[in-house]
Each structure stands twice: as C-alpha cells, then as structure tokens.
Amino acid sequence: WDYGISHEIEIMSRTARGPEERTGIERIAGNTPDMSEWTNFSFYNLVWYWDVPHSDTASPEKKVGRWLGVAHHVRSDLCYWILNSNGKSLACTMVQHVAHN
C-alpha cells in the first residue's frame, strides 16, 4: 500500500488542475515537472528486471516482478522499485515491459 499511495501522490502533484491549470510542483518550484519516468509503466504491472550487483560482471538473467514506482535518490535516473517473487522490493535501473503474446 505504501508504494501505491506514494505513486498516486507523485502523479497527482505532477498533474495540472485548478483554475490556473498548473501542477502542484510548478506552483512551488516554478518550473513544469517532467512526467516521463512516471508514465513508462503503470502501477503493479508485470515487468522484466535485471538485478545487477555493482561488482557483478557476468550477464544476469531477466526475472519477472511487479512495478511499484520510481525510486528517486537511490541510484541513477530511471530507477524503479520492483517487487520480486519473494515479496521484497528492489531498486532496479534495468526494467522492461513484459510483452503479451
């Protein structure tokens, strides 16, 4: 639930509304926020991810997980929280949509 509520708050603060049609972030900071990292995936979507430790040079296998949101201030840009099959959340930068056939 924590990730879902945080995701909703982040989307709402980046969505223009009200008579001025400005976002909450724009009202505070004065600049229009970039929403691209928030629109790449939908909450709890199935995704492929590659959990790559910094010291590992081997080619890791892709794993399936659930997308939980953007992981700010964790690694680099476009880092996402992923729920793995063990129920733990991981911060991953290598994430891809699961293609449905």
PDB file of N, CA and C in Angstrom:
ATOM      1  N   TRP A   1       0.813  -1.190   0.000  1.00  0.00           N
ATOM      2  CA  TRP A   1       0.000   0.000   0.000  1.00  0.00           C
ATOM      3  C   TRP A   1       0.856   1.253   0.000  1.00  0.00           C
ATOM      4  N   ASP A   2       1.966   1.210   0.716  1.00  0.00           N
ATOM      5  CA  ASP A   2       2.831   2.390   0.788  1.00  0.00           C
ATOM      6  C   ASP A   2       3.277   2.845  -0.597  1.00  0.00           C
ATOM      7  N   TYR A   3       3.680   1.891  -1.435  1.00  0.00           N
ATOM      8  CA  TYR A   3       4.134   2.237  -2.783  1.00  0.00           C
ATOM      9  C   TYR A   3       2.976   2.766  -3.630  1.00  0.00           C
ATOM     10  N   GLY A   4       1.798   2.187  -3.500  1.00  0.00           N
ATOM     11  CA  GLY A   4       0.634   2.630  -4.263  1.00  0.00           C
ATOM     12  C   GLY A   4       0.218   4.043  -3.909  1.00  0.00           C
ATOM     13  N   ILE A   5       0.193   4.343  -2.622  1.00  0.00           N
ATOM     14  CA  ILE A   5      -0.180   5.695  -2.185  1.00  0.00           C
ATOM     15  C   ILE A   5       0.877   6.703  -2.623  1.00  0.00           C
ATOM     16  N   SER A   6       2.146   6.359  -2.470  1.00  0.00           N
ATOM     17  CA  SER A   6       3.227   7.254  -2.903  1.00  0.00           C
ATOM     18  C   SER A   6       3.150   7.518  -4.400  1.00  0.00           C
ATOM     19  N   HIS A   7       2.869   6.467  -5.168  1.00  0.00           N
ATOM     20  CA  HIS A   7       2.750   6.609  -6.623  1.00  0.00           C
ATOM     21  C   HIS A   7       1.612   7.565  -6.976  1.00  0.00           C
ATOM     22  N   GLU A   8       0.478   7.404  -6.339  1.00  0.00           N
ATOM     23  CA  GLU A   8      -0.682   8.263  -6.593  1.00  0.00           C
ATOM     24  C   GLU A   8      -0.381   9.714  -6.234  1.00  0.00           C
ATOM     25  N   ILE A   9       0.290   9.937  -5.124  1.00  0.00           N
ATOM     26  CA  ILE A   9       0.660  11.289  -4.703  1.00  0.00           C
ATOM     27  C   ILE A   9       1.590  11.937  -5.721  1.00  0.00           C
ATOM     28  N   GLU A  10       2.570  11.191  -6.190  1.00  0.00           N
ATOM     29  CA  GLU A  10       3.521  11.727  -7.168  1.00  0.00           C
ATOM     30  C   GLU A  10       2.824  12.083  -8.478  1.00  0.00           C
ATOM     31  N   ILE A  11       1.903  11.237  -8.932  1.00  0.00           N
ATOM     32  CA  ILE A  11       1.154  11.526 -10.159  1.00  0.00           C
ATOM     33  C   ILE A  11       0.286  12.766  -9.968  1.00  0.00           C
ATOM     34  N   MET A  12      -0.417  12.843  -8.845  1.00  0.00           N
ATOM     35  CA  MET A  12      -1.305  13.984  -8.598  1.00  0.00           C
ATOM     36  C   MET A  12      -0.526  15.300  -8.494  1.00  0.00           C
ATOM     37  N   SER A  13       0.660  15.268  -7.901  1.00  0.00           N
ATOM     38  CA  SER A  13       1.438  16.501  -7.773  1.00  0.00           C
ATOM     39  C   SER A  13       2.024  16.956  -9.103  1.00  0.00           C
ATOM     40  N   ARG A  14       2.026  16.063 -10.102  1.00  0.00           N
ATOM     41  CA  ARG A  14       2.535  16.392 -11.430  1.00  0.00           C
ATOM     42  C   ARG A  14       1.415  16.583 -12.453  1.00  0.00           C
ATOM     43  N   THR A  15       0.157  16.568 -11.989  1.00  0.00           N
ATOM     44  CA  THR A  15      -0.992  16.723 -12.872  1.00  0.00           C
ATOM     45  C   THR A  15      -1.597  18.113 -12.682  1.00  0.00           C
ATOM     46  N   ALA A  16      -1.774  18.817 -13.812  1.00  0.00           N
ATOM     47  CA  ALA A  16      -2.330  20.174 -13.752  1.00  0.00           C
ATOM     48  C   ALA A  16      -3.810  20.118 -13.423  1.00  0.00           C
ATOM     49  N   ARG A  17      -4.244  21.011 -12.514  1.00  0.00           N
ATOM     50  CA  ARG A  17      -5.660  21.119 -12.164  1.00  0.00           C
ATOM     51  C   ARG A  17      -5.899  22.476 -11.519  1.00  0.00           C
ATOM     52  N   GLY A  18      -7.152  22.795 -11.318  1.00  0.00           N
ATOM     53  CA  GLY A  18      -7.499  24.075 -10.719  1.00  0.00           C
ATOM     54  C   GLY A  18      -7.662  25.151 -11.781  1.00  0.00           C
ATOM     55  N   PRO A  19      -8.083  26.324 -11.377  1.00  0.00           N
ATOM     56  CA  PRO A  19      -8.340  27.392 -12.340  1.00  0.00           C
ATOM     57  C   PRO A  19      -7.086  27.860 -13.084  1.00  0.00           C
ATOM     58  N   GLU A  20      -5.922  27.738 -12.455  1.00  0.00           N
ATOM     59  CA  GLU A  20      -4.671  28.157 -13.109  1.00  0.00           C
ATOM     60  C   GLU A  20      -4.116  27.082 -14.032  1.00  0.00           C
ATOM     61  N   GLU A  21      -4.625  25.866 -13.919  1.00  0.00           N
ATOM     62  CA  GLU A  21      -4.149  24.704 -14.679  1.00  0.00           C
ATOM     63  C   GLU A  21      -2.628  24.554 -14.571  1.00  0.00           C
ATOM     64  N   ARG A  22      -2.145  24.597 -13.323  1.00  0.00           N
ATOM     65  CA  ARG A  22      -0.733  24.390 -13.038  1.00  0.00           C
ATOM     66  C   ARG A  22      -0.596  23.211 -12.091  1.00  0.00           C
ATOM     67  N   THR A  23       0.527  22.538 -12.153  1.00  0.00           N
ATOM     68  CA  THR A  23       0.770  21.414 -11.259  1.00  0.00           C
ATOM     69  C   THR A  23       1.172  21.924  -9.886  1.00  0.00           C
ATOM     70  N   GLY A  24       1.055  21.055  -8.875  1.00  0.00           N
ATOM     71  CA  GLY A  24       1.492  21.417  -7.531  1.00  0.00           C
ATOM     72  C   GLY A  24       2.973  21.734  -7.486  1.00  0.00           C
ATOM     73  N   ILE A  25       3.766  20.935  -8.182  1.00  0.00           N
ATOM     74  CA  ILE A  25       5.213  21.160  -8.213  1.00  0.00           C
ATOM     75  C   ILE A  25       5.530  22.478  -8.911  1.00  0.00           C
ATOM     76  N   GLU A  26       4.792  22.781  -9.979  1.00  0.00           N
ATOM     77  CA  GLU A  26       5.011  24.031 -10.702  1.00  0.00           C
ATOM     78  C   GLU A  26       4.676  25.234  -9.835  1.00  0.00           C
ATOM     79  N   ARG A  27       3.642  25.117  -9.026  1.00  0.00           N
ATOM     80  CA  ARG A  27       3.274  26.215  -8.127  1.00  0.00           C
ATOM     81  C   ARG A  27       4.366  26.475  -7.095  1.00  0.00           C
ATOM     82  N   ILE A  28       5.000  25.416  -6.615  1.00  0.00           N
ATOM     83  CA  ILE A  28       6.031  25.559  -5.580  1.00  0.00           C
ATOM     84  C   ILE A  28       7.384  25.940  -6.176  1.00  0.00           C
ATOM     85  N   ALA A  29       7.830  25.169  -7.192  1.00  0.00           N
ATOM     86  CA  ALA A  29       9.177  25.356  -7.733  1.00  0.00           C
ATOM     87  C   ALA A  29       9.238  26.343  -8.896  1.00  0.00           C
ATOM     88  N   GLY A  30       8.106  26.549  -9.580  1.00  0.00           N
ATOM     89  CA  GLY A  30       8.087  27.491 -10.680  1.00  0.00           C
ATOM     90  C   GLY A  30       8.377  26.904 -12.045  1.00  0.00           C
ATOM     91  N   ASN A  31       8.740  25.622 -12.111  1.00  0.00           N
ATOM     92  CA  ASN A  31       9.000  25.000 -13.409  1.00  0.00           C
ATOM     93  C   ASN A  31       8.071  23.803 -13.631  1.00  0.00           C
ATOM     94  N   THR A  32       7.798  23.513 -14.889  1.00  0.00           N
ATOM     95  CA  THR A  32       6.924  22.400 -15.233  1.00  0.00           C
ATOM     96  C   THR A  32       7.680  21.086 -15.032  1.00  0.00           C
ATOM     97  N   PRO A  33       7.118  20.150 -14.265  1.00  0.00           N
ATOM     98  CA  PRO A  33       7.823  18.893 -13.996  1.00  0.00           C
ATOM     99  C   PRO A  33       7.808  17.950 -15.202  1.00  0.00           C
ATOM    100  N   ASP A  34       8.821  17.105 -15.265  1.00  0.00           N
ATOM    101  CA  ASP A  34       8.908  16.074 -16.292  1.00  0.00           C
ATOM    102  C   ASP A  34       8.219  14.820 -15.766  1.00  0.00           C
ATOM    103  N   MET A  35       7.181  14.362 -16.459  1.00  0.00           N
ATOM    104  CA  MET A  35       6.414  13.196 -16.022  1.00  0.00           C
ATOM    105  C   MET A  35       6.831  11.899 -16.712  1.00  0.00           C
ATOM    106  N   SER A  36       7.827  11.944 -17.575  1.00  0.00           N
ATOM    107  CA  SER A  36       8.148  10.781 -18.404  1.00  0.00           C
ATOM    108  C   SER A  36       8.466   9.532 -17.587  1.00  0.00           C
ATOM    109  N   GLU A  37       9.210   9.658 -16.503  1.00  0.00           N
ATOM    110  CA  GLU A  37       9.543   8.473 -15.720  1.00  0.00           C
ATOM    111  C   GLU A  37       8.327   7.884 -15.000  1.00  0.00           C
ATOM    112  N   TRP A  38       7.288   8.694 -14.812  1.00  0.00           N
ATOM    113  CA  TRP A  38       6.069   8.226 -14.145  1.00  0.00           C
ATOM    114  C   TRP A  38       5.079   7.604 -15.117  1.00  0.00           C
ATOM    115  N   THR A  39       5.286   7.790 -16.411  1.00  0.00           N
ATOM    116  CA  THR A  39       4.340   7.263 -17.400  1.00  0.00           C
ATOM    117  C   THR A  39       4.889   6.070 -18.167  1.00  0.00           C
ATOM    118  N   ASN A  40       6.118   5.657 -17.893  1.00  0.00           N
ATOM    119  CA  ASN A  40       6.697   4.496 -18.580  1.00  0.00           C
ATOM    120  C   ASN A  40       5.973   3.203 -18.230  1.00  0.00           C
ATOM    121  N   PHE A  41       5.528   3.075 -16.989  1.00  0.00           N
ATOM    122  CA  PHE A  41       4.870   1.868 -16.503  1.00  0.00           C
ATOM    123  C   PHE A  41       3.638   2.253 -15.693  1.00  0.00           C
ATOM    124  N   SER A  42       2.719   1.328 -15.564  1.00  0.00           N
ATOM    125  CA  SER A  42       1.569   1.518 -14.686  1.00  0.00           C
ATOM    126  C   SER A  42       1.825   0.770 -13.387  1.00  0.00           C
ATOM    127  N   PHE A  43       1.224   1.245 -12.311  1.00  0.00           N
ATOM    128  CA  PHE A  43       1.446   0.639 -11.002  1.00  0.00           C
ATOM    129  C   PHE A  43       1.078  -0.840 -11.013  1.00  0.00           C
ATOM    130  N   TYR A  44       1.937  -1.657 -10.478  1.00  0.00           N
ATOM    131  CA  TYR A  44       1.803  -3.099 -10.285  1.00  0.00           C
ATOM    132  C   TYR A  44       1.806  -3.888 -11.596  1.00  0.00           C
ATOM    133  N   ASN A  45       2.253  -3.278 -12.696  1.00  0.00           N
ATOM    134  CA  ASN A  45       2.389  -4.005 -13.954  1.00  0.00           C
ATOM    135  C   ASN A  45       3.470  -5.068 -13.839  1.00  0.00           C
ATOM    136  N   LEU A  46       3.302  -6.151 -14.599  1.00  0.00           N
ATOM    137  CA  LEU A  46       4.357  -7.144 -14.705  1.00  0.00           C
ATOM    138  C   LEU A  46       5.491  -6.572 -15.541  1.00  0.00           C
ATOM    139  N   VAL A  47       6.707  -6.731 -15.066  1.00  0.00           N
ATOM    140  CA  VAL A  47       7.889  -6.247 -15.781  1.00  0.00           C
ATOM    141  C   VAL A  47       9.001  -7.284 -15.701  1.00  0.00           C
ATOM    142  N   TRP A  48       9.903  -7.204 -16.672  1.00  0.00           N
ATOM    143  CA  TRP A  48      11.163  -7.933 -16.571  1.00  0.00           C
ATOM    144  C   TRP A  48      12.154  -7.005 -15.901  1.00  0.00           C
ATOM    145  N   TYR A  49      13.009  -7.538 -15.059  1.00  0.00           N
ATOM    146  CA  TYR A  49      14.076  -6.731 -14.466  1.00  0.00           C
ATOM    147  C   TYR A  49      15.336  -7.559 -14.378  1.00  0.00           C
ATOM    148  N   TRP A  50      16.445  -6.872 -14.367  1.00  0.00           N
ATOM    149  CA  TRP A  50      17.746  -7.494 -14.224  1.00  0.00           C
ATOM    150  C   TRP A  50      18.374  -6.925 -12.968  1.00  0.00           C
ATOM    151  N   ASP A  51      18.521  -7.759 -11.957  1.00  0.00           N
ATOM    152  CA  ASP A  51      19.101  -7.330 -10.686  1.00  0.00           C
ATOM    153  C   ASP A  51      20.611  -7.495 -10.796  1.00  0.00           C
ATOM    154  N   VAL A  52      21.309  -6.389 -11.025  1.00  0.00           N
ATOM    155  CA  VAL A  52      22.740  -6.430 -11.283  1.00  0.00           C
ATOM    156  C   VAL A  52      23.501  -5.807 -10.124  1.00  0.00           C
ATOM    157  N   PRO A  53      24.201  -6.624  -9.317  1.00  0.00           N
ATOM    158  CA  PRO A  53      25.068  -6.050  -8.283  1.00  0.00           C
ATOM    159  C   PRO A  53      26.196  -5.261  -8.938  1.00  0.00           C
ATOM    160  N   HIS A  54      26.674  -4.228  -8.262  1.00  0.00           N
ATOM    161  CA  HIS A  54      27.700  -3.352  -8.830  1.00  0.00           C
ATOM    162  C   HIS A  54      28.975  -4.105  -9.195  1.00  0.00           C
ATOM    163  N   SER A  55      29.344  -5.137  -8.453  1.00  0.00           N
ATOM    164  CA  SER A  55      30.599  -5.845  -8.703  1.00  0.00           C
ATOM    165  C   SER A  55      30.437  -7.016  -9.670  1.00  0.00           C
ATOM    166  N   ASP A  56      29.219  -7.327 -10.060  1.00  0.00           N
ATOM    167  CA  ASP A  56      28.968  -8.480 -10.925  1.00  0.00           C
ATOM    168  C   ASP A  56      29.183  -8.102 -12.379  1.00  0.00           C
ATOM    169  N   THR A  57      30.068  -8.813 -13.059  1.00  0.00           N
ATOM    170  CA  THR A  57      30.318  -8.552 -14.472  1.00  0.00           C
ATOM    171  C   THR A  57      29.687  -9.627 -15.348  1.00  0.00           C
ATOM    172  N   ALA A  58      29.150 -10.667 -14.749  1.00  0.00           N
ATOM    173  CA  ALA A  58      28.502 -11.722 -15.517  1.00  0.00           C
ATOM    174  C   ALA A  58      27.177 -11.219 -16.079  1.00  0.00           C
ATOM    175  N   SER A  59      26.712 -11.858 -17.116  1.00  0.00           N
ATOM    176  CA  SER A  59      25.440 -11.474 -17.735  1.00  0.00           C
ATOM    177  C   SER A  59      24.291 -12.035 -16.895  1.00  0.00           C
ATOM    178  N   PRO A  60      23.537 -11.196 -16.216  1.00  0.00           N
ATOM    179  CA  PRO A  60      22.454 -11.678 -15.362  1.00  0.00           C
ATOM    180  C   PRO A  60      21.228 -12.100 -16.181  1.00  0.00           C
ATOM    181  N   GLU A  61      20.436 -12.979 -15.608  1.00  0.00           N
ATOM    182  CA  GLU A  61      19.197 -13.402 -16.257  1.00  0.00           C
ATOM    183  C   GLU A  61      18.079 -12.446 -15.897  1.00  0.00           C
ATOM    184  N   LYS A  62      17.120 -12.328 -16.818  1.00  0.00           N
ATOM    185  CA  LYS A  62      15.978 -11.476 -16.511  1.00  0.00           C
ATOM    186  C   LYS A  62      15.033 -12.231 -15.588  1.00  0.00           C
ATOM    187  N   LYS A  63      14.369 -11.462 -14.738  1.00  0.00           N
ATOM    188  CA  LYS A  63      13.422 -12.016 -13.774  1.00  0.00           C
ATOM    189  C   LYS A  63      12.121 -11.247 -13.905  1.00  0.00           C
ATOM    190  N   VAL A  64      11.026 -11.860 -13.506  1.00  0.00           N
ATOM    191  CA  VAL A  64       9.736 -11.179 -13.571  1.00  0.00           C
ATOM    192  C   VAL A  64       9.406 -10.588 -12.202  1.00  0.00           C
ATOM    193  N   GLY A  65       8.816  -9.410 -12.224  1.00  0.00           N
ATOM    194  CA  GLY A  65       8.438  -8.738 -10.987  1.00  0.00           C
ATOM    195  C   GLY A  65       7.279  -7.799 -11.238  1.00  0.00           C
ATOM    196  N   ARG A  66       6.931  -7.022 -10.228  1.00  0.00           N
ATOM    197  CA  ARG A  66       5.846  -6.040 -10.316  1.00  0.00           C
ATOM    198  C   ARG A  66       6.427  -4.648 -10.129  1.00  0.00           C
ATOM    199  N   TRP A  67       5.998  -3.715 -10.987  1.00  0.00           N
ATOM    200  CA  TRP A  67       6.470  -2.334 -10.924  1.00  0.00           C
ATOM    201  C   TRP A  67       5.754  -1.598  -9.804  1.00  0.00           C
ATOM    202  N   LEU A  68       6.524  -0.968  -8.893  1.00  0.00           N
ATOM    203  CA  LEU A  68       5.938  -0.281  -7.742  1.00  0.00           C
ATOM    204  C   LEU A  68       6.088   1.235  -7.789  1.00  0.00           C
ATOM    205  N   GLY A  69       6.931   1.743  -8.657  1.00  0.00           N
ATOM    206  CA  GLY A  69       7.087   3.194  -8.734  1.00  0.00           C
ATOM    207  C   GLY A  69       8.519   3.610  -9.012  1.00  0.00           C
ATOM    208  N   VAL A  70       8.710   4.906  -9.059  1.00  0.00           N
ATOM    209  CA  VAL A  70      10.018   5.495  -9.336  1.00  0.00           C
ATOM    210  C   VAL A  70      10.820   5.543  -8.034  1.00  0.00           C
ATOM    211  N   ALA A  71      12.066   5.115  -8.111  1.00  0.00           N
ATOM    212  CA  ALA A  71      12.959   5.124  -6.943  1.00  0.00           C
ATOM    213  C   ALA A  71      13.877   6.333  -7.049  1.00  0.00           C
ATOM    214  N   HIS A  72      13.450   7.439  -6.478  1.00  0.00           N
ATOM    215  CA  HIS A  72      14.251   8.667  -6.512  1.00  0.00           C
ATOM    216  C   HIS A  72      15.355   8.605  -5.477  1.00  0.00           C
ATOM    217  N   HIS A  73      16.470   9.195  -5.798  1.00  0.00           N
ATOM    218  CA  HIS A  73      17.609   9.340  -4.884  1.00  0.00           C
ATOM    219  C   HIS A  73      18.156   7.991  -4.418  1.00  0.00           C
ATOM    220  N   VAL A  74      18.031   6.953  -5.262  1.00  0.00           N
ATOM    221  CA  VAL A  74      18.551   5.642  -4.883  1.00  0.00           C
ATOM    222  C   VAL A  74      19.777   5.305  -5.725  1.00  0.00           C
ATOM    223  N   ARG A  75      19.633   5.303  -7.016  1.00  0.00           N
ATOM    224  CA  ARG A  75      20.758   5.032  -7.921  1.00  0.00           C
ATOM    225  C   ARG A  75      20.832   6.163  -8.934  1.00  0.00           C
ATOM    226  N   SER A  76      20.536   5.863 -10.183  1.00  0.00           N
ATOM    227  CA  SER A  76      20.579   6.877 -11.231  1.00  0.00           C
ATOM    228  C   SER A  76      19.166   7.231 -11.671  1.00  0.00           C
ATOM    229  N   ASP A  77      19.070   8.058 -12.703  1.00  0.00           N
ATOM    230  CA  ASP A  77      17.759   8.375 -13.265  1.00  0.00           C
ATOM    231  C   ASP A  77      17.120   7.104 -13.817  1.00  0.00           C
ATOM    232  N   LEU A  78      15.818   7.110 -13.890  1.00  0.00           N
ATOM    233  CA  LEU A  78      15.027   5.976 -14.359  1.00  0.00           C
ATOM    234  C   LEU A  78      15.320   4.707 -13.554  1.00  0.00           C
ATOM    235  N   CYS A  79      15.348   4.867 -12.271  1.00  0.00           N
ATOM    236  CA  CYS A  79      15.485   3.749 -11.339  1.00  0.00           C
ATOM    237  C   CYS A  79      14.104   3.497 -10.749  1.00  0.00           C
ATOM    238  N   TYR A  80      13.687   2.247 -10.714  1.00  0.00           N
ATOM    239  CA  TYR A  80      12.330   1.902 -10.300  1.00  0.00           C
ATOM    240  C   TYR A  80      12.332   0.911  -9.143  1.00  0.00           C
ATOM    241  N   TRP A  81      11.265   0.972  -8.342  1.00  0.00           N
ATOM    242  CA  TRP A  81      11.044  -0.030  -7.297  1.00  0.00           C
ATOM    243  C   TRP A  81      10.326  -1.208  -7.941  1.00  0.00           C
ATOM    244  N   ILE A  82      10.867  -2.401  -7.725  1.00  0.00           N
ATOM    245  CA  ILE A  82      10.309  -3.633  -8.269  1.00  0.00           C
ATOM    246  C   ILE A  82      10.038  -4.592  -7.111  1.00  0.00           C
ATOM    247  N   LEU A  83       8.885  -5.227  -7.146  1.00  0.00           N
ATOM    248  CA  LEU A  83       8.543  -6.262  -6.172  1.00  0.00           C
ATOM    249  C   LEU A  83       8.950  -7.595  -6.780  1.00  0.00           C
ATOM    250  N   ASN A  84       9.896  -8.301  -6.136  1.00  0.00           N
ATOM    251  CA  ASN A  84      10.352  -9.569  -6.701  1.00  0.00           C
ATOM    252  C   ASN A  84       9.448 -10.723  -6.268  1.00  0.00           C
ATOM    253  N   SER A  85       9.766 -11.925  -6.726  1.00  0.00           N
ATOM    254  CA  SER A  85       8.920 -13.090  -6.442  1.00  0.00           C
ATOM    255  C   SER A  85       8.935 -13.486  -4.969  1.00  0.00           C
ATOM    256  N   ASN A  86       9.906 -13.014  -4.202  1.00  0.00           N
ATOM    257  CA  ASN A  86       9.981 -13.300  -2.762  1.00  0.00           C
ATOM    258  C   ASN A  86       9.245 -12.262  -1.924  1.00  0.00           C
ATOM    259  N   GLY A  87       8.642 -11.266  -2.583  1.00  0.00           N
ATOM    260  CA  GLY A  87       7.910 -10.228  -1.862  1.00  0.00           C
ATOM    261  C   GLY A  87       8.779  -9.093  -1.340  1.00  0.00           C
ATOM    262  N   LYS A  88      10.012  -8.992  -1.830  1.00  0.00           N
ATOM    263  CA  LYS A  88      10.906  -7.908  -1.407  1.00  0.00           C
ATOM    264  C   LYS A  88      10.979  -6.853  -2.503  1.00  0.00           C
ATOM    265  N   SER A  89      11.123  -5.601  -2.102  1.00  0.00           N
ATOM    266  CA  SER A  89      11.247  -4.529  -3.089  1.00  0.00           C
ATOM    267  C   SER A  89      12.717  -4.265  -3.373  1.00  0.00           C
ATOM    268  N   LEU A  90      13.017  -4.080  -4.660  1.00  0.00           N
ATOM    269  CA  LEU A  90      14.374  -3.825  -5.120  1.00  0.00           C
ATOM    270  C   LEU A  90      14.388  -2.561  -5.949  1.00  0.00           C
ATOM    271  N   ALA A  91      15.464  -1.811  -5.892  1.00  0.00           N
ATOM    272  CA  ALA A  91      15.647  -0.662  -6.774  1.00  0.00           C
ATOM    273  C   ALA A  91      16.439  -1.134  -7.984  1.00  0.00           C
ATOM    274  N   CYS A  92      15.836  -1.016  -9.169  1.00  0.00           N
ATOM    275  CA  CYS A  92      16.460  -1.520 -10.398  1.00  0.00           C
ATOM    276  C   CYS A  92      16.431  -0.464 -11.494  1.00  0.00           C
ATOM    277  N   THR A  93      17.507  -0.409 -12.264  1.00  0.00           N
ATOM    278  CA  THR A  93      17.564   0.512 -13.395  1.00  0.00           C
ATOM    279  C   THR A  93      17.318  -0.205 -14.713  1.00  0.00           C
ATOM    280  N   MET A  94      17.443  -1.515 -14.716  1.00  0.00           N
ATOM    281  CA  MET A  94      17.218  -2.289 -15.941  1.00  0.00           C
ATOM    282  C   MET A  94      15.849  -2.955 -15.843  1.00  0.00           C
ATOM    283  N   VAL A  95      14.834  -2.292 -16.426  1.00  0.00           N
ATOM    284  CA  VAL A  95      13.444  -2.740 -16.333  1.00  0.00           C
ATOM    285  C   VAL A  95      12.817  -2.655 -17.716  1.00  0.00           C
ATOM    286  N   GLN A  96      11.987  -3.645 -18.041  1.00  0.00           N
ATOM    287  CA  GLN A  96      11.345  -3.684 -19.347  1.00  0.00           C
ATOM    288  C   GLN A  96       9.940  -4.243 -19.223  1.00  0.00           C
ATOM    289  N   HIS A  97       9.040  -3.798 -20.095  1.00  0.00           N
ATOM    290  CA  HIS A  97       7.683  -4.318 -20.107  1.00  0.00           C
ATOM    291  C   HIS A  97       7.677  -5.798 -20.463  1.00  0.00           C
ATOM    292  N   VAL A  98       6.760  -6.557 -19.870  1.00  0.00           N
ATOM    293  CA  VAL A  98       6.543  -7.949 -20.242  1.00  0.00           C
ATOM    294  C   VAL A  98       5.635  -7.920 -21.455  1.00  0.00           C
ATOM    295  N   ALA A  99       6.114  -8.477 -22.571  1.00  0.00           N
ATOM    296  CA  ALA A  99       5.296  -8.500 -23.790  1.00  0.00           C
ATOM    297  C   ALA A  99       4.258  -9.602 -23.701  1.00  0.00           C
ATOM    298  N   HIS A 100       3.017  -9.240 -24.011  1.00  0.00           N
ATOM    299  CA  HIS A 100       1.940 -10.223 -24.017  1.00  0.00           C
ATOM    300  C   HIS A 100       1.729 -10.698 -25.444  1.00  0.00           C
ATOM    301  N   ASN A 101       1.746 -11.995 -25.644  1.00  0.00           N
ATOM    302  CA  ASN A 101       1.545 -12.562 -26.992  1.00  0.00           C
ATOM    303  C   ASN A 101       0.114 -12.928 -27.214  1.00  0.00           C
TER     304      ASN A 101
END
